[in-house]
Amino acid sequence: MRYLFISVAVASVVVGRNIRTRDTASTPLDAAAMASLSWKLVVYAIAPVVIGAVLSIMTRQVWDYYAMLVVTLVGLWLLFPRYDHWVAWAATAEGSA
């Protein structure tokens, strides 16, 4: 059971990485589409810590939570929006205000 939860948590980060690569490789996205994609990716990155919390309650092992926290931090490092995306969002926000 523990290995199933761990593999689902790691798969969440891997799937998020594949989605980001697929969606940004074809064409440049506009700011609204990039914001929507970024929210999806953050959810994929945060999912392992939720899985770790459930797993630590089920197994009563705090180290499972810490392991999933590390997976979450790696996921955030991989999937968090890049600097150029933040600049594009700021430019569209200034233009619409």
Foldseek 3Di string as FASTA:
>chain_A
DLVVLVVQLLVLLVVLLVVVCVVPVPDHDALVVVVVSLVSLLCSLCVLLVSQVVVCVVVVDCVSNVVSVVSSVVSCVRRHDDPVSVVNNVVVVVVVD
